[in-house]
C-alpha atoms as a PDB file:
ATOM      1  CA  UNK A   1      33.515-184.148  25.902  1.00  0.00           C
ATOM      2  CA  UNK A   2      31.607-180.942  26.706  1.00  0.00           C
ATOM      3  CA  UNK A   3      30.780-180.065  30.268  1.00  0.00           C
ATOM      4  CA  UNK A   4      27.308-179.146  31.575  1.00  0.00           C
ATOM      5  CA  UNK A   5      29.072-177.117  34.261  1.00  0.00           C
ATOM      6  CA  UNK A   6      32.181-175.432  33.008  1.00  0.00           C
ATOM      7  CA  UNK A   7      34.908-174.454  35.579  1.00  0.00           C
ATOM      8  CA  UNK A   8      36.584-171.235  34.307  1.00  0.00           C
ATOM      9  CA  UNK A   9      39.403-169.009  35.433  1.00  0.00           C
ATOM     10  CA  UNK A  10      40.208-165.328  34.530  1.00  0.00           C
ATOM     11  CA  UNK A  11      43.817-164.439  35.096  1.00  0.00           C
ATOM     12  CA  UNK A  12      43.694-160.746  36.052  1.00  0.00           C
ATOM     13  CA  UNK A  13      47.199-159.407  36.479  1.00  0.00           C
ATOM     14  CA  UNK A  14      49.745-156.575  36.223  1.00  0.00           C
ATOM     15  CA  UNK A  15      52.341-156.062  33.580  1.00  0.00           C
ATOM     16  CA  UNK A  16      55.548-157.907  34.582  1.00  0.00           C
ATOM     17  CA  UNK A  17      57.817-156.483  31.967  1.00  0.00           C
ATOM     18  CA  UNK A  18      58.428-157.873  28.490  1.00  0.00           C
ATOM     19  CA  UNK A  19      57.167-161.013  26.876  1.00  0.00           C
ATOM     20  CA  UNK A  20      59.392-163.422  28.592  1.00  0.00           C
ATOM     21  CA  UNK A  21      58.480-162.175  32.148  1.00  0.00           C
ATOM     22  CA  UNK A  22      54.843-162.024  31.254  1.00  0.00           C
ATOM     23  CA  UNK A  23      54.603-165.417  29.622  1.00  0.00           C
ATOM     24  CA  UNK A  24      56.553-167.041  32.500  1.00  0.00           C
ATOM     25  CA  UNK A  25      54.079-165.537  35.028  1.00  0.00           C
ATOM     26  CA  UNK A  26      51.095-166.679  32.727  1.00  0.00           C
ATOM     27  CA  UNK A  27      52.503-170.263  33.018  1.00  0.00           C
ATOM     28  CA  UNK A  28      52.482-170.072  36.673  1.00  0.00           C
ATOM     29  CA  UNK A  29      49.004-168.716  36.913  1.00  0.00           C
ATOM     30  CA  UNK A  30      47.547-171.261  34.406  1.00  0.00           C
ATOM     31  CA  UNK A  31      49.120-174.045  36.385  1.00  0.00           C
ATOM     32  CA  UNK A  32      47.347-172.819  39.549  1.00  0.00           C
ATOM     33  CA  UNK A  33      44.054-172.247  37.734  1.00  0.00           C
ATOM     34  CA  UNK A  34      44.248-175.875  36.345  1.00  0.00           C
ATOM     35  CA  UNK A  35      45.000-177.183  39.790  1.00  0.00           C
ATOM     36  CA  UNK A  36      41.813-175.506  40.898  1.00  0.00           C
ATOM     37  CA  UNK A  37      39.884-177.477  38.309  1.00  0.00           C
ATOM     38  CA  UNK A  38      39.516-174.732  35.482  1.00  0.00           C
ATOM     39  CA  UNK A  39      38.841-176.147  32.042  1.00  0.00           C
ATOM     40  CA  UNK A  40      38.681-172.810  30.343  1.00  0.00           C
ATOM     41  CA  UNK A  41      41.164-170.042  31.107  1.00  0.00           C
ATOM     42  CA  UNK A  42      40.814-166.402  29.856  1.00  0.00           C
ATOM     43  CA  UNK A  43      43.781-164.004  29.693  1.00  0.00           C
ATOM     44  CA  UNK A  44      43.825-160.142  29.513  1.00  0.00           C
ATOM     45  CA  UNK A  45      44.217-158.091  26.441  1.00  0.00           C
ATOM     46  CA  UNK A  46      47.798-157.707  24.993  1.00  0.00           C
ATOM     47  CA  UNK A  47      49.107-159.915  28.045  1.00  0.00           C
ATOM     48  CA  UNK A  48      52.603-159.977  26.656  1.00  0.00           C
ATOM     49  CA  UNK A  49      53.636-156.602  27.813  1.00  0.00           C
ATOM     50  CA  UNK A  50      52.490-153.123  28.926  1.00  0.00           C
ATOM     51  CA  UNK A  51      49.518-151.446  27.221  1.00  0.00           C
ATOM     52  CA  UNK A  52      51.745-149.713  24.723  1.00  0.00           C
ATOM     53  CA  UNK A  53      48.930-147.772  23.067  1.00  0.00           C
ATOM     54  CA  UNK A  54      49.203-144.959  25.443  1.00  0.00           C
ATOM     55  CA  UNK A  55      51.546-143.420  22.767  1.00  0.00           C
ATOM     56  CA  UNK A  56      52.347-143.726  19.140  1.00  0.00           C
ATOM     57  CA  UNK A  57      55.858-145.139  18.373  1.00  0.00           C
ATOM     58  CA  UNK A  58      56.988-147.140  15.476  1.00  0.00           C
ATOM     59  CA  UNK A  59      59.377-148.901  17.681  1.00  0.00           C
ATOM     60  CA  UNK A  60      56.489-150.738  19.278  1.00  0.00           C
ATOM     61  CA  UNK A  61      55.994-152.777  16.160  1.00  0.00           C
ATOM     62  CA  UNK A  62      59.104-154.609  16.933  1.00  0.00           C
ATOM     63  CA  UNK A  63      57.129-156.541  19.633  1.00  0.00           C
ATOM     64  CA  UNK A  64      54.588-157.824  17.231  1.00  0.00           C
ATOM     65  CA  UNK A  65      54.612-161.537  16.410  1.00  0.00           C
ATOM     66  CA  UNK A  66      53.352-163.778  13.557  1.00  0.00           C
ATOM     67  CA  UNK A  67      50.736-166.169  14.264  1.00  0.00           C
ATOM     68  CA  UNK A  68      51.654-168.957  14.464  1.00  0.00           C
ATOM     69  CA  UNK A  69      54.936-167.828  16.214  1.00  0.00           C
ATOM     70  CA  UNK A  70      56.935-167.968  19.270  1.00  0.00           C
ATOM     71  CA  UNK A  71      54.152-166.998  21.673  1.00  0.00           C
ATOM     72  CA  UNK A  72      51.410-169.281  20.120  1.00  0.00           C
ATOM     73  CA  UNK A  73      53.915-172.216  20.313  1.00  0.00           C
ATOM     74  CA  UNK A  74      54.473-171.548  23.990  1.00  0.00           C
ATOM     75  CA  UNK A  75      50.798-170.982  24.813  1.00  0.00           C
ATOM     76  CA  UNK A  76      49.657-173.988  22.914  1.00  0.00           C
ATOM     77  CA  UNK A  77      52.037-176.099  24.818  1.00  0.00           C
ATOM     78  CA  UNK A  78      50.838-174.601  28.032  1.00  0.00           C
ATOM     79  CA  UNK A  79      47.217-175.409  27.177  1.00  0.00           C
ATOM     80  CA  UNK A  80      48.204-179.042  26.323  1.00  0.00           C
ATOM     81  CA  UNK A  81      50.247-179.511  29.483  1.00  0.00           C
ATOM     82  CA  UNK A  82      47.309-178.605  31.800  1.00  0.00           C
ATOM     83  CA  UNK A  83      44.473-179.780  29.520  1.00  0.00           C
ATOM     84  CA  UNK A  84      42.664-176.401  29.452  1.00  0.00           C
ATOM     85  CA  UNK A  85      41.186-174.350  26.681  1.00  0.00           C
ATOM     86  CA  UNK A  86      43.113-171.172  26.675  1.00  0.00           C
ATOM     87  CA  UNK A  87      42.038-167.731  25.368  1.00  0.00           C
ATOM     88  CA  UNK A  88      44.968-165.330  24.726  1.00  0.00           C
ATOM     89  CA  UNK A  89      45.450-161.969  23.235  1.00  0.00           C
ATOM     90  CA  UNK A  90      48.488-161.056  21.016  1.00  0.00           C
ATOM     91  CA  UNK A  91      49.834-158.128  18.881  1.00  0.00           C
ATOM     92  CA  UNK A  92      49.703-159.944  15.516  1.00  0.00           C
ATOM     93  CA  UNK A  93      52.216-159.046  12.663  1.00  0.00           C
ATOM     94  CA  UNK A  94      50.466-160.149   9.529  1.00  0.00           C
ATOM     95  CA  UNK A  95      52.781-158.565   7.065  1.00  0.00           C
ATOM     96  CA  UNK A  96      55.265-155.639   6.931  1.00  0.00           C
ATOM     97  CA  UNK A  97      53.086-152.573   7.875  1.00  0.00           C
ATOM     98  CA  UNK A  98      49.945-154.690   8.595  1.00  0.00           C
ATOM     99  CA  UNK A  99      49.190-155.599  12.265  1.00  0.00           C
ATOM    100  CA  UNK A 100      46.232-156.718  14.307  1.00  0.00           C
ATOM    101  CA  UNK A 101      45.040-157.025  17.881  1.00  0.00           C
ATOM    102  CA  UNK A 102      44.325-160.829  17.751  1.00  0.00           C
ATOM    103  CA  UNK A 103      42.839-163.334  20.157  1.00  0.00           C
ATOM    104  CA  UNK A 104      44.020-166.833  19.695  1.00  0.00           C
ATOM    105  CA  UNK A 105      42.215-169.769  21.217  1.00  0.00           C
ATOM    106  CA  UNK A 106      44.061-173.013  22.113  1.00  0.00           C
ATOM    107  CA  UNK A 107      42.153-176.265  22.569  1.00  0.00           C
ATOM    108  CA  UNK A 108      43.012-178.532  25.490  1.00  0.00           C
ATOM    109  CA  UNK A 109      45.197-180.770  23.235  1.00  0.00           C
ATOM    110  CA  UNK A 110      47.376-177.674  22.386  1.00  0.00           C
ATOM    111  CA  UNK A 111      46.080-177.189  18.918  1.00  0.00           C
ATOM    112  CA  UNK A 112      44.915-173.722  17.769  1.00  0.00           C
ATOM    113  CA  UNK A 113      41.178-173.874  17.550  1.00  0.00           C
ATOM    114  CA  UNK A 114      40.887-170.502  16.015  1.00  0.00           C
ATOM    115  CA  UNK A 115      41.555-166.739  16.134  1.00  0.00           C
ATOM    116  CA  UNK A 116      39.573-163.592  16.226  1.00  0.00           C
ATOM    117  CA  UNK A 117      40.979-160.100  15.058  1.00  0.00           C
ATOM    118  CA  UNK A 118      39.536-157.161  17.011  1.00  0.00           C
ATOM    119  CA  UNK A 119      36.990-155.400  14.798  1.00  0.00           C
ATOM    120  CA  UNK A 120      36.467-152.113  16.640  1.00  0.00           C
ATOM    121  CA  UNK A 121      39.561-150.101  16.948  1.00  0.00           C
ATOM    122  CA  UNK A 122      39.557-147.200  19.452  1.00  0.00           C
ATOM    123  CA  UNK A 123      41.572-143.869  18.953  1.00  0.00           C
ATOM    124  CA  UNK A 124      41.256-141.807  22.195  1.00  0.00           C
ATOM    125  CA  UNK A 125      43.697-140.130  24.619  1.00  0.00           C
ATOM    126  CA  UNK A 126      45.779-142.824  26.079  1.00  0.00           C
ATOM    127  CA  UNK A 127      44.285-145.509  23.755  1.00  0.00           C
ATOM    128  CA  UNK A 128      45.828-144.903  20.285  1.00  0.00           C
ATOM    129  CA  UNK A 129      45.101-148.156  18.810  1.00  0.00           C
ATOM    130  CA  UNK A 130      44.379-146.994  15.350  1.00  0.00           C
ATOM    131  CA  UNK A 131      48.027-146.247  14.992  1.00  0.00           C
ATOM    132  CA  UNK A 132      48.816-149.804  15.545  1.00  0.00           C
ATOM    133  CA  UNK A 133      45.988-152.044  14.533  1.00  0.00           C
ATOM    134  CA  UNK A 134      44.158-152.732  11.254  1.00  0.00           C
ATOM    135  CA  UNK A 135      40.476-153.591  12.005  1.00  0.00           C
ATOM    136  CA  UNK A 136      39.688-157.152  11.832  1.00  0.00           C
ATOM    137  CA  UNK A 137      38.602-158.921   8.649  1.00  0.00           C
ATOM    138  CA  UNK A 138      37.481-162.151   9.918  1.00  0.00           C
ATOM    139  CA  UNK A 139      33.981-161.180  10.930  1.00  0.00           C
ATOM    140  CA  UNK A 140      32.177-162.234  14.162  1.00  0.00           C
ATOM    141  CA  UNK A 141      32.665-166.093  14.033  1.00  0.00           C
ATOM    142  CA  UNK A 142      32.512-168.302  17.095  1.00  0.00           C
ATOM    143  CA  UNK A 143      35.313-170.691  17.673  1.00  0.00           C
ATOM    144  CA  UNK A 144      34.649-174.429  18.393  1.00  0.00           C
ATOM    145  CA  UNK A 145      36.449-175.978  21.197  1.00  0.00           C
ATOM    146  CA  UNK A 146      36.294-179.074  23.432  1.00  0.00           C
ATOM    147  CA  UNK A 147      34.257-177.030  25.996  1.00  0.00           C
ATOM    148  CA  UNK A 148      31.879-175.324  23.650  1.00  0.00           C
ATOM    149  CA  UNK A 149      31.555-172.704  20.964  1.00  0.00           C
ATOM    150  CA  UNK A 150      33.254-169.647  22.190  1.00  0.00           C
ATOM    151  CA  UNK A 151      32.359-166.034  20.977  1.00  0.00           C
ATOM    152  CA  UNK A 152      35.541-164.281  21.406  1.00  0.00           C
ATOM    153  CA  UNK A 153      35.607-160.465  21.175  1.00  0.00           C
ATOM    154  CA  UNK A 154      38.249-157.912  22.470  1.00  0.00           C
ATOM    155  CA  UNK A 155      37.943-154.789  24.695  1.00  0.00           C
ATOM    156  CA  UNK A 156      36.537-151.911  22.600  1.00  0.00           C
ATOM    157  CA  UNK A 157      34.154-154.487  20.949  1.00  0.00           C
ATOM    158  CA  UNK A 158      32.416-154.637  24.459  1.00  0.00           C
ATOM    159  CA  UNK A 159      30.620-151.412  23.748  1.00  0.00           C
ATOM    160  CA  UNK A 160      28.909-152.714  20.512  1.00  0.00           C
ATOM    161  CA  UNK A 161      25.817-154.788  20.800  1.00  0.00           C
ATOM    162  CA  UNK A 162      26.037-155.798  17.157  1.00  0.00           C
ATOM    163  CA  UNK A 163      29.260-157.788  17.776  1.00  0.00           C
ATOM    164  CA  UNK A 164      27.808-159.746  20.645  1.00  0.00           C
ATOM    165  CA  UNK A 165      24.470-160.376  18.780  1.00  0.00           C
ATOM    166  CA  UNK A 166      26.209-161.550  15.558  1.00  0.00           C
ATOM    167  CA  UNK A 167      28.202-164.026  17.865  1.00  0.00           C
ATOM    168  CA  UNK A 168      25.021-165.189  19.400  1.00  0.00           C
ATOM    169  CA  UNK A 169      23.274-165.489  16.116  1.00  0.00           C
ATOM    170  CA  UNK A 170      26.214-167.774  15.017  1.00  0.00           C
ATOM    171  CA  UNK A 171      25.621-170.184  17.819  1.00  0.00           C
ATOM    172  CA  UNK A 172      28.105-168.880  20.422  1.00  0.00           C
ATOM    173  CA  UNK A 173      27.457-170.626  23.805  1.00  0.00           C
ATOM    174  CA  UNK A 174      29.531-168.027  25.867  1.00  0.00           C
ATOM    175  CA  UNK A 175      30.977-164.517  25.106  1.00  0.00           C
ATOM    176  CA  UNK A 176      34.593-163.768  26.299  1.00  0.00           C
ATOM    177  CA  UNK A 177      36.308-160.369  26.358  1.00  0.00           C
ATOM    178  CA  UNK A 178      40.017-159.984  26.870  1.00  0.00           C
ATOM    179  CA  UNK A 179      40.236-156.265  28.015  1.00  0.00           C
ATOM    180  CA  UNK A 180      42.620-153.606  29.043  1.00  0.00           C
ATOM    181  CA  UNK A 181      40.639-150.603  30.402  1.00  0.00           C
ATOM    182  CA  UNK A 182      41.044-148.262  33.268  1.00  0.00           C
ATOM    183  CA  UNK A 183      40.900-144.819  34.714  1.00  0.00           C
ATOM    184  CA  UNK A 184      42.817-141.695  34.162  1.00  0.00           C
ATOM    185  CA  UNK A 185      44.133-141.056  37.698  1.00  0.00           C
ATOM    186  CA  UNK A 186      43.271-137.239  37.395  1.00  0.00           C
ATOM    187  CA  UNK A 187      39.527-138.015  36.969  1.00  0.00           C
ATOM    188  CA  UNK A 188      37.352-137.322  39.865  1.00  0.00           C
ATOM    189  CA  UNK A 189      36.036-140.344  41.870  1.00  0.00           C
ATOM    190  CA  UNK A 190      32.534-139.819  40.482  1.00  0.00           C
ATOM    191  CA  UNK A 191      33.750-139.942  37.034  1.00  0.00           C
ATOM    192  CA  UNK A 192      35.728-143.068  37.748  1.00  0.00           C
ATOM    193  CA  UNK A 193      32.630-144.663  39.192  1.00  0.00           C
ATOM    194  CA  UNK A 194      30.465-143.847  36.214  1.00  0.00           C
ATOM    195  CA  UNK A 195      33.048-145.177  33.762  1.00  0.00           C
ATOM    196  CA  UNK A 196      33.537-148.631  35.478  1.00  0.00           C
ATOM    197  CA  UNK A 197      29.711-149.012  36.158  1.00  0.00           C
ATOM    198  CA  UNK A 198      29.041-148.258  32.509  1.00  0.00           C
ATOM    199  CA  UNK A 199      31.669-150.934  31.425  1.00  0.00           C
ATOM    200  CA  UNK A 200      30.059-153.493  33.715  1.00  0.00           C
ATOM    201  CA  UNK A 201      26.605-152.626  32.516  1.00  0.00           C
ATOM    202  CA  UNK A 202      27.674-153.189  28.918  1.00  0.00           C
ATOM    203  CA  UNK A 203      28.530-156.667  29.583  1.00  0.00           C
ATOM    204  CA  UNK A 204      25.486-157.259  31.611  1.00  0.00           C
ATOM    205  CA  UNK A 205      23.399-155.990  28.670  1.00  0.00           C
ATOM    206  CA  UNK A 206      25.162-158.333  26.263  1.00  0.00           C
ATOM    207  CA  UNK A 207      24.391-161.194  28.561  1.00  0.00           C
ATOM    208  CA  UNK A 208      20.760-160.390  28.968  1.00  0.00           C
ATOM    209  CA  UNK A 209      20.046-159.409  25.451  1.00  0.00           C
ATOM    210  CA  UNK A 210      21.565-162.574  24.074  1.00  0.00           C
ATOM    211  CA  UNK A 211      20.847-165.013  27.007  1.00  0.00           C
ATOM    212  CA  UNK A 212      24.524-166.084  27.222  1.00  0.00           C
ATOM    213  CA  UNK A 213      27.211-166.210  30.043  1.00  0.00           C
ATOM    214  CA  UNK A 214      29.773-163.400  29.601  1.00  0.00           C
ATOM    215  CA  UNK A 215      33.329-163.503  30.773  1.00  0.00           C
ATOM    216  CA  UNK A 216      35.524-160.341  30.775  1.00  0.00           C
ATOM    217  CA  UNK A 217      39.271-160.371  31.900  1.00  0.00           C
ATOM    218  CA  UNK A 218      40.874-156.945  32.446  1.00  0.00           C
ATOM    219  CA  UNK A 219      44.355-156.108  33.593  1.00  0.00           C
ATOM    220  CA  UNK A 220      44.970-154.234  36.869  1.00  0.00           C
ATOM    221  CA  UNK A 221      47.530-151.676  38.271  1.00  0.00           C
ATOM    222  CA  UNK A 222      49.011-148.464  37.207  1.00  0.00           C
ATOM    223  CA  UNK A 223      50.977-148.204  33.893  1.00  0.00           C
ATOM    224  CA  UNK A 224      52.765-144.946  33.445  1.00  0.00           C
ATOM    225  CA  UNK A 225      52.465-142.960  30.018  1.00  0.00           C
ATOM    226  CA  UNK A 226      55.439-142.620  27.819  1.00  0.00           C
ATOM    227  CA  UNK A 227      54.135-139.153  27.079  1.00  0.00           C
ATOM    228  CA  UNK A 228      54.526-137.870  30.539  1.00  0.00           C
ATOM    229  CA  UNK A 229      50.819-137.740  30.986  1.00  0.00           C
ATOM    230  CA  UNK A 230      49.047-139.357  33.981  1.00  0.00           C
ATOM    231  CA  UNK A 231      49.096-142.864  32.678  1.00  0.00           C
ATOM    232  CA  UNK A 232      46.300-145.390  33.290  1.00  0.00           C
ATOM    233  CA  UNK A 233      45.013-147.135  36.448  1.00  0.00           C
ATOM    234  CA  UNK A 234      43.633-150.330  35.047  1.00  0.00           C
ATOM    235  CA  UNK A 235      40.550-151.115  37.198  1.00  0.00           C
ATOM    236  CA  UNK A 236      40.435-154.921  37.153  1.00  0.00           C
ATOM    237  CA  UNK A 237      36.904-155.823  38.050  1.00  0.00           C
ATOM    238  CA  UNK A 238      37.184-159.043  35.898  1.00  0.00           C
ATOM    239  CA  UNK A 239      33.916-160.790  36.050  1.00  0.00           C
ATOM    240  CA  UNK A 240      31.744-163.828  35.063  1.00  0.00           C
ATOM    241  CA  UNK A 241      28.163-163.167  34.373  1.00  0.00           C
ATOM    242  CA  UNK A 242      25.100-165.552  33.736  1.00  0.00           C
ATOM    243  CA  UNK A 243      22.634-165.344  30.926  1.00  0.00           C
ATOM    244  CA  UNK A 244      20.326-162.930  32.926  1.00  0.00           C
ATOM    245  CA  UNK A 245      23.249-160.584  33.559  1.00  0.00           C
ATOM    246  CA  UNK A 246      23.701-162.117  37.065  1.00  0.00           C
ATOM    247  CA  UNK A 247      27.078-162.021  38.781  1.00  0.00           C
ATOM    248  CA  UNK A 248      28.694-165.431  39.181  1.00  0.00           C
ATOM    249  CA  UNK A 249      31.998-163.868  40.188  1.00  0.00           C
ATOM    250  CA  UNK A 250      33.911-160.810  40.281  1.00  0.00           C
ATOM    251  CA  UNK A 251      37.445-159.749  40.907  1.00  0.00           C
ATOM    252  CA  UNK A 252      38.596-156.609  42.882  1.00  0.00           C
ATOM    253  CA  UNK A 253      39.908-153.268  41.446  1.00  0.00           C
ATOM    254  CA  UNK A 254      43.494-153.212  42.638  1.00  0.00           C
ATOM    255  CA  UNK A 255      45.245-156.662  42.788  1.00  0.00           C
ATOM    256  CA  UNK A 256      46.117-159.532  40.544  1.00  0.00           C
ATOM    257  CA  UNK A 257      43.536-162.337  40.943  1.00  0.00           C
ATOM    258  CA  UNK A 258      42.833-165.746  39.546  1.00  0.00           C
ATOM    259  CA  UNK A 259      38.961-165.490  39.414  1.00  0.00           C
ATOM    260  CA  UNK A 260      37.463-168.939  39.476  1.00  0.00           C
ATOM    261  CA  UNK A 261      33.787-169.802  38.661  1.00  0.00           C
ATOM    262  CA  UNK A 262      31.486-172.463  37.607  1.00  0.00           C
ATOM    263  CA  UNK A 263      29.344-171.709  34.549  1.00  0.00           C
ATOM    264  CA  UNK A 264      26.087-173.634  33.991  1.00  0.00           C
ATOM    265  CA  UNK A 265      26.221-174.280  30.239  1.00  0.00           C
ATOM    266  CA  UNK A 266      22.637-175.503  30.227  1.00  0.00           C
ATOM    267  CA  UNK A 267      21.153-172.343  31.723  1.00  0.00           C
ATOM    268  CA  UNK A 268      21.042-170.329  28.423  1.00  0.00           C
ATOM    269  CA  UNK A 269      18.490-172.801  26.958  1.00  0.00           C
ATOM    270  CA  UNK A 270      16.280-172.328  30.014  1.00  0.00           C
ATOM    271  CA  UNK A 271      16.564-168.453  30.052  1.00  0.00           C
ATOM    272  CA  UNK A 272      15.962-168.261  26.381  1.00  0.00           C
ATOM    273  CA  UNK A 273      12.689-170.152  26.813  1.00  0.00           C
ATOM    274  CA  UNK A 274      11.296-167.588  29.132  1.00  0.00           C
ATOM    275  CA  UNK A 275      12.975-164.553  27.469  1.00  0.00           C
ATOM    276  CA  UNK A 276      12.836-165.542  23.704  1.00  0.00           C
ATOM    277  CA  UNK A 277      14.463-162.300  22.382  1.00  0.00           C
ATOM    278  CA  UNK A 278      15.847-164.104  19.382  1.00  0.00           C
ATOM    279  CA  UNK A 279      12.299-165.164  18.456  1.00  0.00           C
ATOM    280  CA  UNK A 280      10.860-161.775  18.558  1.00  0.00           C
ATOM    281  CA  UNK A 281      13.520-159.787  16.607  1.00  0.00           C
ATOM    282  CA  UNK A 282      11.976-157.787  13.730  1.00  0.00           C
ATOM    283  CA  UNK A 283      14.567-158.783  11.126  1.00  0.00           C
ATOM    284  CA  UNK A 284      12.233-157.253   8.390  1.00  0.00           C
ATOM    285  CA  UNK A 285      12.721-153.745   9.938  1.00  0.00           C
ATOM    286  CA  UNK A 286      16.442-153.423  10.708  1.00  0.00           C
ATOM    287  CA  UNK A 287      17.861-152.529   7.347  1.00  0.00           C
ATOM    288  CA  UNK A 288      18.913-149.080   8.566  1.00  0.00           C
ATOM    289  CA  UNK A 289      21.354-150.669  11.019  1.00  0.00           C
ATOM    290  CA  UNK A 290      23.645-150.816   8.013  1.00  0.00           C
ATOM    291  CA  UNK A 291      23.751-147.041   7.821  1.00  0.00           C
ATOM    292  CA  UNK A 292      26.106-144.876   9.834  1.00  0.00           C
ATOM    293  CA  UNK A 293      23.319-142.515  10.877  1.00  0.00           C
ATOM    294  CA  UNK A 294      19.828-141.824  10.066  1.00  0.00           C
ATOM    295  CA  UNK A 295      19.564-138.278   8.857  1.00  0.00           C
END
């Protein structure tokens, strides 16, 4: 039965080591979230280990898993044990030499409700994801669950209004972003503030433009670079937004946290009646959006 008010939990955490240590920690965190009443739990991006994309190494492919596989079996059992919808983020091995950054959604009965393969893949200093991940080929399709239709996207997707819009046009009732983003410790404080503010604003923009709640769960804490660079200070700031971009809940920048919130699943209907952005879209004039650039 769908909830009018949906209790959610975002598990903002630090890396604990390998898959076993992180999954054991996730089991404890999800149990705590469920005890607090959460019915939807969102995990951070690539939660089974460190953010390994700070370097390019073929050895990292050894940590990829098939879907279904050991982690999905364990996470599905966890969702069923606590009766929660669980949104996870895994390094998927599809075939030899073919890997994806994949979110897997488990329904409250432990079944796999669906998955989403990250569509936008970055390649920046400290975020060398193109070495590891093939861009997703499943499109922007929401996943139906017992708590609603979830528009699941992943991290770098958060900078693209097209992905959020296509999820909204397909009937998503809520947008969710497992995320791994942070500062270069060597940046100035002003630059750090600008980057984090821009990240939050991008999510608020998706909420406003689509009239939907947005959940973004980021990791937190310093992770050293294997390249002897400065590493990344993941800035946390996981948050839950309402359909006018308003803050419902926000985590801090430094510590692990189970961020709990109540999302009014009826509010989008009311907001879209006063801000009918979907009604006023000029779909007859948008053909050039399919071009890389208008010369």
